[in-house]
Amino acid sequence: MELHERLKAEVERKVEHVIAGVAETLEKVLSEGGVKPEDLRRMIETLEPSFRLLSRRWALLILYVLLMLGKGSFSEIVKLTGLSRTIVSIRLKELERAGLITRTVVERPIATLYELTGRGRDLALLSIPLVYYLTFGKSLRAGPEE
């Protein structure tokens, strides 16, 4: 399913704004000598576990489904993703261990509900520009292309 053109244009505008802000901040920090190679290495090392989890097949899809639903039952997540119950179960456990979702058992009617934590919501939202960039394969900023 393709993105609606209006939504696509709005996402592009927002992503351009974010990229410009990050580039401006980075230039300022670098010009002030505020980043040492060991600081950069430490920051990248802390990102690795999150990137490893998010690169697992279907993890982002499950986060996006929960982003759309707010709260979702196991059955809803299986139905909306089209994934097997086993895969959904495994990914939900991994996402819960990582602190990206919460799991709540409701007694009447009996159901298990899943919801993004604040960190999970932020991570899902922050990944959208990266997914957009990788999907459409173009830079949103002027400059040399590789």
C-alpha atoms as a PDB file:
ATOM      1  CA  MET A   1       0.000   0.000   0.000  1.00  0.00           C
ATOM      2  CA  GLU A   2       1.436   3.353  -1.030  1.00  0.00           C
ATOM      3  CA  LEU A   3       1.440   6.439   1.127  1.00  0.00           C
ATOM      4  CA  HIS A   4      -1.187   8.972   0.333  1.00  0.00           C
ATOM      5  CA  GLU A   5       0.511  11.853  -1.515  1.00  0.00           C
ATOM      6  CA  ARG A   6      -0.518  14.481   1.040  1.00  0.00           C
ATOM      7  CA  LEU A   7       0.820  12.419   3.904  1.00  0.00           C
ATOM      8  CA  LYS A   8       4.005  11.727   1.963  1.00  0.00           C
ATOM      9  CA  ALA A   9       4.550  15.465   1.378  1.00  0.00           C
ATOM     10  CA  GLU A  10       3.948  16.237   5.059  1.00  0.00           C
ATOM     11  CA  VAL A  11       6.358  13.518   6.168  1.00  0.00           C
ATOM     12  CA  GLU A  12       8.983  14.893   3.764  1.00  0.00           C
ATOM     13  CA  ARG A  13       8.539  18.402   5.156  1.00  0.00           C
ATOM     14  CA  LYS A  14       8.869  17.228   8.759  1.00  0.00           C
ATOM     15  CA  VAL A  15      11.849  14.998   7.994  1.00  0.00           C
ATOM     16  CA  GLU A  16      13.632  17.856   6.215  1.00  0.00           C
ATOM     17  CA  HIS A  17      13.069  20.023   9.295  1.00  0.00           C
ATOM     18  CA  VAL A  18      14.443  17.349  11.644  1.00  0.00           C
ATOM     19  CA  ILE A  19      17.490  16.674   9.462  1.00  0.00           C
ATOM     20  CA  ALA A  20      18.250  20.393   9.238  1.00  0.00           C
ATOM     21  CA  GLY A  21      18.002  20.727  13.024  1.00  0.00           C
ATOM     22  CA  VAL A  22      20.267  17.744  13.652  1.00  0.00           C
ATOM     23  CA  ALA A  23      22.811  19.009  11.112  1.00  0.00           C
ATOM     24  CA  GLU A  24      22.812  22.473  12.707  1.00  0.00           C
ATOM     25  CA  THR A  25      23.295  21.026  16.192  1.00  0.00           C
ATOM     26  CA  LEU A  26      26.077  18.714  15.025  1.00  0.00           C
ATOM     27  CA  GLU A  27      27.913  21.563  13.297  1.00  0.00           C
ATOM     28  CA  LYS A  28      27.683  23.663  16.476  1.00  0.00           C
ATOM     29  CA  VAL A  29      28.934  20.855  18.731  1.00  0.00           C
ATOM     30  CA  LEU A  30      31.794  19.993  16.371  1.00  0.00           C
ATOM     31  CA  SER A  31      32.843  23.634  16.006  1.00  0.00           C
ATOM     32  CA  GLU A  32      33.022  23.920  19.801  1.00  0.00           C
ATOM     33  CA  GLY A  33      35.118  20.749  20.016  1.00  0.00           C
ATOM     34  CA  GLY A  34      32.469  19.090  22.149  1.00  0.00           C
ATOM     35  CA  VAL A  35      32.730  15.549  20.782  1.00  0.00           C
ATOM     36  CA  LYS A  36      35.729  13.336  21.279  1.00  0.00           C
ATOM     37  CA  PRO A  37      36.188  10.082  19.340  1.00  0.00           C
ATOM     38  CA  GLU A  38      35.763   8.033  22.533  1.00  0.00           C
ATOM     39  CA  ASP A  39      32.471   9.852  23.278  1.00  0.00           C
ATOM     40  CA  LEU A  40      31.214   9.026  19.790  1.00  0.00           C
ATOM     41  CA  ARG A  41      32.242   5.390  20.171  1.00  0.00           C
ATOM     42  CA  ARG A  42      30.438   5.141  23.522  1.00  0.00           C
ATOM     43  CA  MET A  43      27.260   6.637  22.031  1.00  0.00           C
ATOM     44  CA  ILE A  44      27.329   4.208  19.106  1.00  0.00           C
ATOM     45  CA  GLU A  45      27.896   1.248  21.426  1.00  0.00           C
ATOM     46  CA  THR A  46      24.786   2.188  23.414  1.00  0.00           C
ATOM     47  CA  LEU A  47      22.734   2.269  20.190  1.00  0.00           C
ATOM     48  CA  GLU A  48      23.770  -1.192  19.051  1.00  0.00           C
ATOM     49  CA  PRO A  49      21.319  -3.271  21.172  1.00  0.00           C
ATOM     50  CA  SER A  50      18.363  -1.141  20.038  1.00  0.00           C
ATOM     51  CA  PHE A  51      19.394  -1.329  16.383  1.00  0.00           C
ATOM     52  CA  ARG A  52      19.883  -5.079  16.703  1.00  0.00           C
ATOM     53  CA  LEU A  53      16.348  -5.502  18.077  1.00  0.00           C
ATOM     54  CA  LEU A  54      14.748  -3.173  15.552  1.00  0.00           C
ATOM     55  CA  SER A  55      16.489  -4.926  12.682  1.00  0.00           C
ATOM     56  CA  ARG A  56      14.913  -8.231  13.723  1.00  0.00           C
ATOM     57  CA  ARG A  57      12.312  -9.207  11.217  1.00  0.00           C
ATOM     58  CA  TRP A  58       8.856  -7.726  11.933  1.00  0.00           C
ATOM     59  CA  ALA A  59       9.815  -5.810  15.106  1.00  0.00           C
ATOM     60  CA  LEU A  60       9.140  -2.417  13.521  1.00  0.00           C
ATOM     61  CA  LEU A  61       5.892  -3.642  11.994  1.00  0.00           C
ATOM     62  CA  ILE A  62       4.638  -4.616  15.439  1.00  0.00           C
ATOM     63  CA  LEU A  63       5.706  -1.246  16.876  1.00  0.00           C
ATOM     64  CA  TYR A  64       3.890   0.570  14.041  1.00  0.00           C
ATOM     65  CA  VAL A  65       0.722  -1.482  14.584  1.00  0.00           C
ATOM     66  CA  LEU A  66       0.769  -0.526  18.265  1.00  0.00           C
ATOM     67  CA  LEU A  67       1.484   3.086  17.322  1.00  0.00           C
ATOM     68  CA  MET A  68      -1.716   3.053  15.229  1.00  0.00           C
ATOM     69  CA  LEU A  69      -3.844   1.108  17.720  1.00  0.00           C
ATOM     70  CA  GLY A  70      -2.750   2.687  20.972  1.00  0.00           C
ATOM     71  CA  LYS A  71      -3.523  -0.571  22.804  1.00  0.00           C
ATOM     72  CA  GLY A  72      -3.905  -3.874  21.054  1.00  0.00           C
ATOM     73  CA  SER A  73      -4.692  -7.433  21.952  1.00  0.00           C
ATOM     74  CA  PHE A  74      -2.484 -10.292  20.870  1.00  0.00           C
ATOM     75  CA  SER A  75      -5.152 -11.385  18.365  1.00  0.00           C
ATOM     76  CA  GLU A  76      -5.438  -7.889  16.880  1.00  0.00           C
ATOM     77  CA  ILE A  77      -1.669  -7.687  16.418  1.00  0.00           C
ATOM     78  CA  VAL A  78      -1.604 -11.103  14.723  1.00  0.00           C
ATOM     79  CA  LYS A  79      -4.514 -10.138  12.450  1.00  0.00           C
ATOM     80  CA  LEU A  80      -3.165  -6.705  11.474  1.00  0.00           C
ATOM     81  CA  THR A  81       0.392  -7.881  10.843  1.00  0.00           C
ATOM     82  CA  GLY A  82      -0.553 -11.136   9.121  1.00  0.00           C
ATOM     83  CA  LEU A  83       2.264 -12.836  11.037  1.00  0.00           C
ATOM     84  CA  SER A  84       2.190 -16.201  12.747  1.00  0.00           C
ATOM     85  CA  ARG A  85       1.226 -16.312  16.408  1.00  0.00           C
ATOM     86  CA  THR A  86       4.673 -17.736  17.218  1.00  0.00           C
ATOM     87  CA  ILE A  87       6.568 -14.857  15.593  1.00  0.00           C
ATOM     88  CA  VAL A  88       4.302 -12.238  17.181  1.00  0.00           C
ATOM     89  CA  SER A  89       4.736 -13.873  20.589  1.00  0.00           C
ATOM     90  CA  ILE A  90       8.533 -13.935  20.286  1.00  0.00           C
ATOM     91  CA  ARG A  91       8.779 -10.314  19.105  1.00  0.00           C
ATOM     92  CA  LEU A  92       6.373  -9.047  21.759  1.00  0.00           C
ATOM     93  CA  LYS A  93       8.482 -10.675  24.480  1.00  0.00           C
ATOM     94  CA  GLU A  94      11.656  -9.118  23.045  1.00  0.00           C
ATOM     95  CA  LEU A  95      10.048  -5.681  22.765  1.00  0.00           C
ATOM     96  CA  GLU A  96       8.709  -5.949  26.320  1.00  0.00           C
ATOM     97  CA  ARG A  97      12.148  -6.951  27.685  1.00  0.00           C
ATOM     98  CA  ALA A  98      13.641  -3.953  25.900  1.00  0.00           C
ATOM     99  CA  GLY A  99      11.151  -1.640  27.628  1.00  0.00           C
ATOM    100  CA  LEU A 100       9.429  -0.633  24.386  1.00  0.00           C
ATOM    101  CA  ILE A 101       6.004  -2.105  25.162  1.00  0.00           C
ATOM    102  CA  THR A 102       3.981  -3.024  28.208  1.00  0.00           C
ATOM    103  CA  ARG A 103       1.829  -6.102  28.607  1.00  0.00           C
ATOM    104  CA  THR A 104      -1.348  -5.949  30.694  1.00  0.00           C
ATOM    105  CA  VAL A 105      -3.662  -8.853  31.451  1.00  0.00           C
ATOM    106  CA  VAL A 106      -7.298  -7.789  31.712  1.00  0.00           C
ATOM    107  CA  GLU A 107      -9.588 -10.200  33.550  1.00  0.00           C
ATOM    108  CA  ARG A 108     -13.048  -9.319  32.192  1.00  0.00           C
ATOM    109  CA  PRO A 109     -13.191 -10.244  29.410  1.00  0.00           C
ATOM    110  CA  ILE A 110      -9.895 -12.071  29.672  1.00  0.00           C
ATOM    111  CA  ALA A 111      -7.387 -10.524  27.311  1.00  0.00           C
ATOM    112  CA  THR A 112      -3.760  -9.520  27.120  1.00  0.00           C
ATOM    113  CA  LEU A 113      -3.259  -5.969  25.912  1.00  0.00           C
ATOM    114  CA  TYR A 114      -0.037  -4.506  24.589  1.00  0.00           C
ATOM    115  CA  GLU A 115       0.843  -0.829  24.471  1.00  0.00           C
ATOM    116  CA  LEU A 116       3.914   1.192  23.571  1.00  0.00           C
ATOM    117  CA  THR A 117       5.846   2.757  26.421  1.00  0.00           C
ATOM    118  CA  GLY A 118       6.934   6.374  25.993  1.00  0.00           C
ATOM    119  CA  ARG A 119      10.317   5.116  24.830  1.00  0.00           C
ATOM    120  CA  GLY A 120       8.677   2.670  22.401  1.00  0.00           C
ATOM    121  CA  ARG A 121       6.470   5.387  20.950  1.00  0.00           C
ATOM    122  CA  ASP A 122       9.414   7.750  20.532  1.00  0.00           C
ATOM    123  CA  LEU A 123      11.499   5.036  18.912  1.00  0.00           C
ATOM    124  CA  ALA A 124       8.702   4.088  16.503  1.00  0.00           C
ATOM    125  CA  LEU A 125       8.237   7.744  15.547  1.00  0.00           C
ATOM    126  CA  LEU A 126      11.973   8.366  15.201  1.00  0.00           C
ATOM    127  CA  SER A 127      12.346   5.356  12.923  1.00  0.00           C
ATOM    128  CA  ILE A 128       9.797   6.672  10.416  1.00  0.00           C
ATOM    129  CA  PRO A 129      12.237   9.088   8.713  1.00  0.00           C
ATOM    130  CA  LEU A 130      14.832   6.322   8.409  1.00  0.00           C
ATOM    131  CA  VAL A 131      12.276   3.896   6.954  1.00  0.00           C
ATOM    132  CA  TYR A 132      11.075   6.645   4.611  1.00  0.00           C
ATOM    133  CA  TYR A 133      14.632   7.361   3.475  1.00  0.00           C
ATOM    134  CA  LEU A 134      15.424   3.690   2.923  1.00  0.00           C
ATOM    135  CA  THR A 135      12.113   3.073   1.140  1.00  0.00           C
ATOM    136  CA  PHE A 136      12.288   5.988  -1.261  1.00  0.00           C
ATOM    137  CA  GLY A 137      16.085   5.948  -1.519  1.00  0.00           C
ATOM    138  CA  LYS A 138      16.627   9.639  -1.874  1.00  0.00           C
ATOM    139  CA  SER A 139      18.138  12.368   0.189  1.00  0.00           C
ATOM    140  CA  LEU A 140      15.783  15.095   1.312  1.00  0.00           C
ATOM    141  CA  ARG A 141      18.581  17.645   1.488  1.00  0.00           C
ATOM    142  CA  ALA A 142      20.400  19.271  -1.383  1.00  0.00           C
ATOM    143  CA  GLY A 143      23.891  17.952  -1.877  1.00  0.00           C
ATOM    144  CA  PRO A 144      25.886  15.351  -3.726  1.00  0.00           C
ATOM    145  CA  GLU A 145      24.210  11.979  -4.099  1.00  0.00           C
ATOM    146  CA  GLU A 146      26.093   8.704  -4.099  1.00  0.00           C
END
